[in-house]
Amino acid sequence: MSHYDELPVYKASYDLLLAVFQFTKNFAKEYKYTVGEKLKNEMIDLVVLIYRANSKKDKHEVLQEARERIEVIRLLIRLMKDLQQISMKQFVNINKRVENVSKQLTEWQKKHRISE
């Protein structure tokens, strides 16, 4: 397997991490240090999980945890839209990225199950 930073899912999740850091800057103070921090931490954990999954022989548990994280991230982003901290345009854009990472994680997990 290629080096982890060449994995498409790693690049997609890292780009999503950067986007999250960009848009959380504009959150109202009451959300910036609560939901904003949680969102950034979940994203960092997700990128770390992808790195860990790539370096492990048994990837199933790590990939399952990564898939759970992306769902928490999806929920937090939706919450920020509903609280008018991000625009509908930002929400659609960021959701496309989330969906891309989610699909790649699902495919990776399926591929791994087949090769076991």
N, C-alpha and C. Protein backbone atom coordinates (compact mmCIF):
# COMPACT_ATOMS: atom_id res chain seq x y z
N MET A 1 0.85 -1.20 0.00
CA MET A 1 0.00 0.00 0.00
C MET A 1 0.88 1.24 0.00
N SER A 2 0.42 2.27 -0.62
CA SER A 2 1.18 3.52 -0.69
C SER A 2 1.26 4.17 0.68
N HIS A 3 2.15 5.10 0.79
CA HIS A 3 2.30 5.88 2.01
C HIS A 3 0.97 6.55 2.34
N TYR A 4 0.64 6.63 3.65
CA TYR A 4 -0.70 7.09 4.06
C TYR A 4 -1.09 8.44 3.47
N ASP A 5 -0.15 9.37 3.30
CA ASP A 5 -0.54 10.70 2.81
C ASP A 5 -0.85 10.72 1.32
N GLU A 6 -0.64 9.58 0.66
CA GLU A 6 -1.01 9.47 -0.75
C GLU A 6 -2.38 8.81 -0.92
N LEU A 7 -2.93 8.29 0.15
CA LEU A 7 -4.26 7.68 0.10
C LEU A 7 -5.30 8.74 -0.24
N PRO A 8 -6.18 8.48 -1.20
CA PRO A 8 -7.22 9.46 -1.52
C PRO A 8 -8.09 9.83 -0.31
N VAL A 9 -8.43 8.85 0.54
CA VAL A 9 -9.26 9.13 1.70
C VAL A 9 -8.51 10.00 2.72
N TYR A 10 -7.20 9.80 2.82
CA TYR A 10 -6.42 10.64 3.73
C TYR A 10 -6.41 12.08 3.22
N LYS A 11 -6.16 12.25 1.94
CA LYS A 11 -6.14 13.59 1.36
C LYS A 11 -7.51 14.26 1.49
N ALA A 12 -8.56 13.53 1.19
CA ALA A 12 -9.93 14.08 1.28
C ALA A 12 -10.26 14.49 2.71
N SER A 13 -9.88 13.66 3.69
CA SER A 13 -10.17 13.98 5.09
C SER A 13 -9.30 15.13 5.58
N TYR A 14 -8.05 15.20 5.10
CA TYR A 14 -7.18 16.30 5.50
C TYR A 14 -7.71 17.63 4.92
N ASP A 15 -8.16 17.60 3.68
CA ASP A 15 -8.76 18.79 3.07
C ASP A 15 -10.02 19.22 3.82
N LEU A 16 -10.80 18.24 4.26
CA LEU A 16 -12.00 18.52 5.06
C LEU A 16 -11.59 19.15 6.40
N LEU A 17 -10.54 18.63 7.01
CA LEU A 17 -10.02 19.19 8.26
C LEU A 17 -9.66 20.67 8.08
N LEU A 18 -8.96 20.98 7.00
CA LEU A 18 -8.60 22.38 6.72
C LEU A 18 -9.85 23.25 6.55
N ALA A 19 -10.83 22.73 5.82
CA ALA A 19 -12.08 23.47 5.61
C ALA A 19 -12.80 23.73 6.93
N VAL A 20 -12.83 22.73 7.81
CA VAL A 20 -13.47 22.87 9.12
C VAL A 20 -12.76 23.96 9.93
N PHE A 21 -11.43 23.95 9.92
CA PHE A 21 -10.68 24.98 10.64
C PHE A 21 -11.00 26.36 10.09
N GLN A 22 -11.19 26.46 8.77
CA GLN A 22 -11.51 27.75 8.15
C GLN A 22 -12.89 28.25 8.59
N PHE A 23 -13.90 27.40 8.49
CA PHE A 23 -15.24 27.93 8.77
C PHE A 23 -15.58 28.03 10.25
N THR A 24 -14.88 27.30 11.12
CA THR A 24 -15.16 27.44 12.55
C THR A 24 -14.65 28.77 13.10
N LYS A 25 -13.74 29.39 12.39
CA LYS A 25 -13.21 30.71 12.79
C LYS A 25 -14.33 31.74 12.90
N ASN A 26 -15.35 31.59 12.07
CA ASN A 26 -16.43 32.57 11.99
C ASN A 26 -17.63 32.26 12.88
N PHE A 27 -17.54 31.20 13.66
CA PHE A 27 -18.64 30.87 14.56
C PHE A 27 -18.77 31.95 15.63
N ALA A 28 -20.00 32.17 16.09
CA ALA A 28 -20.23 33.07 17.22
C ALA A 28 -19.48 32.49 18.43
N LYS A 29 -19.06 33.38 19.31
CA LYS A 29 -18.25 32.99 20.46
C LYS A 29 -18.84 31.81 21.24
N GLU A 30 -20.15 31.83 21.44
CA GLU A 30 -20.78 30.76 22.23
C GLU A 30 -20.66 29.38 21.59
N TYR A 31 -20.46 29.32 20.26
CA TYR A 31 -20.31 28.03 19.57
C TYR A 31 -18.86 27.72 19.23
N LYS A 32 -18.06 28.75 19.05
CA LYS A 32 -16.66 28.56 18.63
C LYS A 32 -15.90 27.64 19.59
N TYR A 33 -16.11 27.84 20.88
CA TYR A 33 -15.32 27.09 21.87
C TYR A 33 -16.03 25.85 22.40
N THR A 34 -17.20 25.57 21.89
CA THR A 34 -17.91 24.36 22.28
C THR A 34 -18.02 23.45 21.06
N VAL A 35 -19.00 23.70 20.23
CA VAL A 35 -19.21 22.86 19.05
C VAL A 35 -18.04 22.98 18.07
N GLY A 36 -17.51 24.17 17.91
CA GLY A 36 -16.37 24.38 17.00
C GLY A 36 -15.17 23.54 17.40
N GLU A 37 -14.85 23.55 18.69
CA GLU A 37 -13.72 22.75 19.19
C GLU A 37 -13.99 21.26 19.04
N LYS A 38 -15.22 20.85 19.35
CA LYS A 38 -15.60 19.44 19.22
C LYS A 38 -15.47 18.99 17.76
N LEU A 39 -15.93 19.83 16.86
CA LEU A 39 -15.85 19.52 15.43
C LEU A 39 -14.39 19.39 14.98
N LYS A 40 -13.55 20.32 15.40
CA LYS A 40 -12.12 20.25 15.03
C LYS A 40 -11.46 19.01 15.62
N ASN A 41 -11.78 18.71 16.88
CA ASN A 41 -11.19 17.52 17.51
C ASN A 41 -11.65 16.23 16.85
N GLU A 42 -12.93 16.16 16.49
CA GLU A 42 -13.45 14.98 15.79
C GLU A 42 -12.74 14.81 14.44
N MET A 43 -12.51 15.93 13.75
CA MET A 43 -11.82 15.88 12.46
C MET A 43 -10.37 15.41 12.62
N ILE A 44 -9.69 15.94 13.63
CA ILE A 44 -8.30 15.52 13.87
C ILE A 44 -8.26 14.03 14.18
N ASP A 45 -9.19 13.58 15.04
CA ASP A 45 -9.26 12.15 15.38
C ASP A 45 -9.53 11.31 14.14
N LEU A 46 -10.38 11.79 13.26
CA LEU A 46 -10.69 11.06 12.03
C LEU A 46 -9.44 10.88 11.18
N VAL A 47 -8.68 11.94 10.99
CA VAL A 47 -7.45 11.86 10.18
C VAL A 47 -6.47 10.88 10.82
N VAL A 48 -6.36 10.91 12.15
CA VAL A 48 -5.47 9.98 12.87
C VAL A 48 -5.96 8.54 12.68
N LEU A 49 -7.26 8.32 12.75
CA LEU A 49 -7.81 6.98 12.55
C LEU A 49 -7.50 6.44 11.15
N ILE A 50 -7.57 7.30 10.16
CA ILE A 50 -7.26 6.89 8.78
C ILE A 50 -5.79 6.48 8.68
N TYR A 51 -4.94 7.26 9.31
CA TYR A 51 -3.51 6.92 9.36
C TYR A 51 -3.33 5.56 10.04
N ARG A 52 -4.00 5.37 11.19
CA ARG A 52 -3.86 4.12 11.94
C ARG A 52 -4.40 2.94 11.14
N ALA A 53 -5.52 3.12 10.47
CA ALA A 53 -6.11 2.03 9.68
C ALA A 53 -5.14 1.59 8.59
N ASN A 54 -4.45 2.55 7.99
CA ASN A 54 -3.53 2.22 6.92
C ASN A 54 -2.31 1.44 7.42
N SER A 55 -1.94 1.66 8.67
CA SER A 55 -0.74 1.00 9.19
C SER A 55 -1.03 -0.32 9.91
N LYS A 56 -2.32 -0.68 10.05
CA LYS A 56 -2.69 -1.93 10.73
C LYS A 56 -3.04 -3.02 9.73
N LYS A 57 -2.75 -4.25 10.15
CA LYS A 57 -3.16 -5.38 9.32
C LYS A 57 -4.68 -5.57 9.44
N ASP A 58 -5.19 -5.59 10.68
CA ASP A 58 -6.62 -5.72 10.89
C ASP A 58 -7.23 -4.31 10.97
N LYS A 59 -7.83 -3.89 9.90
CA LYS A 59 -8.34 -2.52 9.77
C LYS A 59 -9.79 -2.34 10.22
N HIS A 60 -10.52 -3.43 10.38
CA HIS A 60 -11.98 -3.35 10.55
C HIS A 60 -12.40 -2.42 11.69
N GLU A 61 -11.87 -2.64 12.89
CA GLU A 61 -12.30 -1.83 14.04
C GLU A 61 -11.97 -0.35 13.86
N VAL A 62 -10.79 -0.08 13.36
CA VAL A 62 -10.36 1.32 13.18
C VAL A 62 -11.22 1.99 12.11
N LEU A 63 -11.50 1.28 11.04
CA LEU A 63 -12.35 1.84 9.99
C LEU A 63 -13.77 2.04 10.49
N GLN A 64 -14.26 1.14 11.33
CA GLN A 64 -15.60 1.30 11.90
C GLN A 64 -15.64 2.56 12.77
N GLU A 65 -14.60 2.76 13.57
CA GLU A 65 -14.54 3.96 14.41
C GLU A 65 -14.48 5.22 13.55
N ALA A 66 -13.72 5.17 12.46
CA ALA A 66 -13.62 6.31 11.54
C ALA A 66 -14.99 6.63 10.94
N ARG A 67 -15.73 5.59 10.57
CA ARG A 67 -17.07 5.79 10.01
C ARG A 67 -18.02 6.40 11.03
N GLU A 68 -17.88 6.00 12.28
CA GLU A 68 -18.70 6.59 13.35
C GLU A 68 -18.34 8.07 13.53
N ARG A 69 -17.06 8.38 13.46
CA ARG A 69 -16.61 9.78 13.60
C ARG A 69 -17.19 10.66 12.50
N ILE A 70 -17.20 10.15 11.29
CA ILE A 70 -17.70 10.97 10.17
C ILE A 70 -19.19 11.27 10.38
N GLU A 71 -19.92 10.36 11.02
CA GLU A 71 -21.34 10.61 11.29
C GLU A 71 -21.50 11.68 12.37
N VAL A 72 -20.64 11.67 13.38
CA VAL A 72 -20.66 12.72 14.41
C VAL A 72 -20.33 14.06 13.76
N ILE A 73 -19.36 14.08 12.87
CA ILE A 73 -18.96 15.30 12.16
C ILE A 73 -20.14 15.81 11.33
N ARG A 74 -20.81 14.90 10.65
CA ARG A 74 -21.99 15.26 9.83
C ARG A 74 -23.07 15.91 10.72
N LEU A 75 -23.31 15.33 11.88
CA LEU A 75 -24.30 15.85 12.83
C LEU A 75 -23.91 17.25 13.32
N LEU A 76 -22.67 17.45 13.69
CA LEU A 76 -22.21 18.75 14.19
C LEU A 76 -22.30 19.83 13.12
N ILE A 77 -21.99 19.47 11.89
CA ILE A 77 -22.08 20.43 10.78
C ILE A 77 -23.54 20.81 10.55
N ARG A 78 -24.43 19.83 10.62
CA ARG A 78 -25.85 20.12 10.46
C ARG A 78 -26.35 21.04 11.58
N LEU A 79 -25.90 20.78 12.80
CA LEU A 79 -26.25 21.62 13.93
C LEU A 79 -25.81 23.06 13.69
N MET A 80 -24.61 23.24 13.17
CA MET A 80 -24.10 24.60 12.92
C MET A 80 -24.90 25.31 11.83
N LYS A 81 -25.38 24.53 10.86
CA LYS A 81 -26.25 25.13 9.84
C LYS A 81 -27.57 25.56 10.48
N ASP A 82 -28.14 24.69 11.28
CA ASP A 82 -29.43 24.99 11.92
C ASP A 82 -29.33 26.15 12.90
N LEU A 83 -28.16 26.36 13.47
CA LEU A 83 -27.95 27.49 14.38
C LEU A 83 -27.42 28.73 13.63
N GLN A 84 -27.50 28.67 12.30
CA GLN A 84 -27.09 29.76 11.41
C GLN A 84 -25.65 30.22 11.59
N GLN A 85 -24.76 29.24 11.85
CA GLN A 85 -23.33 29.55 11.97
C GLN A 85 -22.61 29.33 10.64
N ILE A 86 -23.23 28.57 9.77
CA ILE A 86 -22.71 28.42 8.41
C ILE A 86 -23.88 28.60 7.44
N SER A 87 -23.56 29.12 6.29
CA SER A 87 -24.59 29.36 5.27
C SER A 87 -24.99 28.06 4.60
N MET A 88 -26.10 28.09 3.89
CA MET A 88 -26.56 26.91 3.16
C MET A 88 -25.51 26.52 2.12
N LYS A 89 -24.90 27.50 1.48
CA LYS A 89 -23.86 27.22 0.48
C LYS A 89 -22.67 26.50 1.13
N GLN A 90 -22.22 27.00 2.29
CA GLN A 90 -21.12 26.35 3.02
C GLN A 90 -21.52 24.93 3.43
N PHE A 91 -22.76 24.81 3.90
CA PHE A 91 -23.27 23.51 4.34
C PHE A 91 -23.24 22.49 3.20
N VAL A 92 -23.73 22.89 2.03
CA VAL A 92 -23.76 22.00 0.87
C VAL A 92 -22.33 21.62 0.47
N ASN A 93 -21.44 22.61 0.43
CA ASN A 93 -20.06 22.37 0.05
C ASN A 93 -19.37 21.42 1.03
N ILE A 94 -19.50 21.68 2.31
CA ILE A 94 -18.82 20.86 3.31
C ILE A 94 -19.45 19.47 3.36
N ASN A 95 -20.75 19.38 3.15
CA ASN A 95 -21.42 18.08 3.15
C ASN A 95 -20.96 17.20 2.00
N LYS A 96 -20.66 17.80 0.86
CA LYS A 96 -20.12 17.03 -0.28
C LYS A 96 -18.80 16.40 0.12
N ARG A 97 -17.98 17.17 0.82
CA ARG A 97 -16.67 16.67 1.27
C ARG A 97 -16.85 15.55 2.29
N VAL A 98 -17.79 15.74 3.22
CA VAL A 98 -18.07 14.73 4.24
C VAL A 98 -18.54 13.44 3.56
N GLU A 99 -19.43 13.58 2.61
CA GLU A 99 -19.97 12.43 1.89
C GLU A 99 -18.87 11.69 1.12
N ASN A 100 -17.97 12.44 0.53
CA ASN A 100 -16.84 11.86 -0.19
C ASN A 100 -15.98 11.01 0.75
N VAL A 101 -15.64 11.55 1.91
CA VAL A 101 -14.83 10.81 2.88
C VAL A 101 -15.61 9.59 3.37
N SER A 102 -16.88 9.76 3.67
CA SER A 102 -17.72 8.67 4.15
C SER A 102 -17.77 7.51 3.14
N LYS A 103 -17.97 7.83 1.87
CA LYS A 103 -18.03 6.80 0.82
C LYS A 103 -16.69 6.06 0.71
N GLN A 104 -15.59 6.82 0.77
CA GLN A 104 -14.28 6.19 0.67
C GLN A 104 -14.01 5.26 1.85
N LEU A 105 -14.42 5.67 3.04
CA LEU A 105 -14.24 4.82 4.22
C LEU A 105 -15.07 3.54 4.09
N THR A 106 -16.30 3.68 3.61
CA THR A 106 -17.18 2.53 3.41
C THR A 106 -16.57 1.56 2.40
N GLU A 107 -16.09 2.10 1.29
CA GLU A 107 -15.47 1.25 0.25
C GLU A 107 -14.23 0.55 0.78
N TRP A 108 -13.41 1.28 1.53
CA TRP A 108 -12.20 0.71 2.10
C TRP A 108 -12.55 -0.43 3.05
N GLN A 109 -13.58 -0.22 3.85
CA GLN A 109 -14.00 -1.26 4.80
C GLN A 109 -14.53 -2.49 4.05
N LYS A 110 -15.31 -2.27 2.99
CA LYS A 110 -15.83 -3.39 2.19
C LYS A 110 -14.68 -4.17 1.54
N LYS A 111 -13.74 -3.43 0.96
CA LYS A 111 -12.58 -4.03 0.31
C LYS A 111 -11.78 -4.85 1.31
N HIS A 112 -11.61 -4.31 2.50
CA HIS A 112 -10.86 -5.00 3.54
C HIS A 112 -11.55 -6.29 3.96
N ARG A 113 -12.88 -6.26 4.10
CA ARG A 113 -13.65 -7.44 4.49
C ARG A 113 -13.49 -8.55 3.46
N ILE A 114 -13.49 -8.18 2.18
CA ILE A 114 -13.36 -9.15 1.09
C ILE A 114 -11.99 -9.81 1.14
N SER A 115 -10.95 -9.04 1.46
CA SER A 115 -9.59 -9.56 1.45
C SER A 115 -9.22 -10.34 2.71
N GLU A 116 -10.11 -10.38 3.71
CA GLU A 116 -9.81 -11.12 4.96
C GLU A 116 -9.88 -12.62 4.75
